[in-house]
């Protein structure tokens, strides 16, 4: 049907019948793609990439607990200034879309749990925040191929100017959240 619609559109671009055919075809293709995508998602094992880490209260929170929501998976560290800047952007996005079903699951690779909790409270981060204290040998960072934090805001590439996990300082940013 697409071949016919494309051919007719070349020879009769102004025809109302061809325009209607093309519109119907586009609508049918969109529905087909939605059905196909839903079928693929339904048959895909999502537990394969689940994360289960402690939150600031010590409770283990699973990424899969947010199933049914649109989820942003974010990696950060309170010792990285760029991460704090990204958090401000995430707060704007969260405030705008949370009521429409957006959730954020944020994994910290901090070494100092107290500093991490202080950063969450200082920045007033309302979403799920968990910590992976084994950041250098972290199965989470390996599973999601996280080598540096945060992600470059303009793409999905890691920004080379940010801190590599293997060289993340344990003393950086100590004064930022101390009161």
Foldseek 3Di string as FASTA:
>chain_A
DVVVLVVCCVVPVPDPVSVVVVVVVVVVVVVVVVVVVVVVVVPDDPVVLKDWFQFLVGHTDIPCVLPPAAEDEWEEEPLWPVRLVVLVVVVVVCVVCVVVGYAYAYEYQAQDSVSVVLSCVVSVRPGHYGYDNVQVPDPNCVSVVPQFDDDDPVDRHRDPVGDGSVPDDNPGPPVVRDD
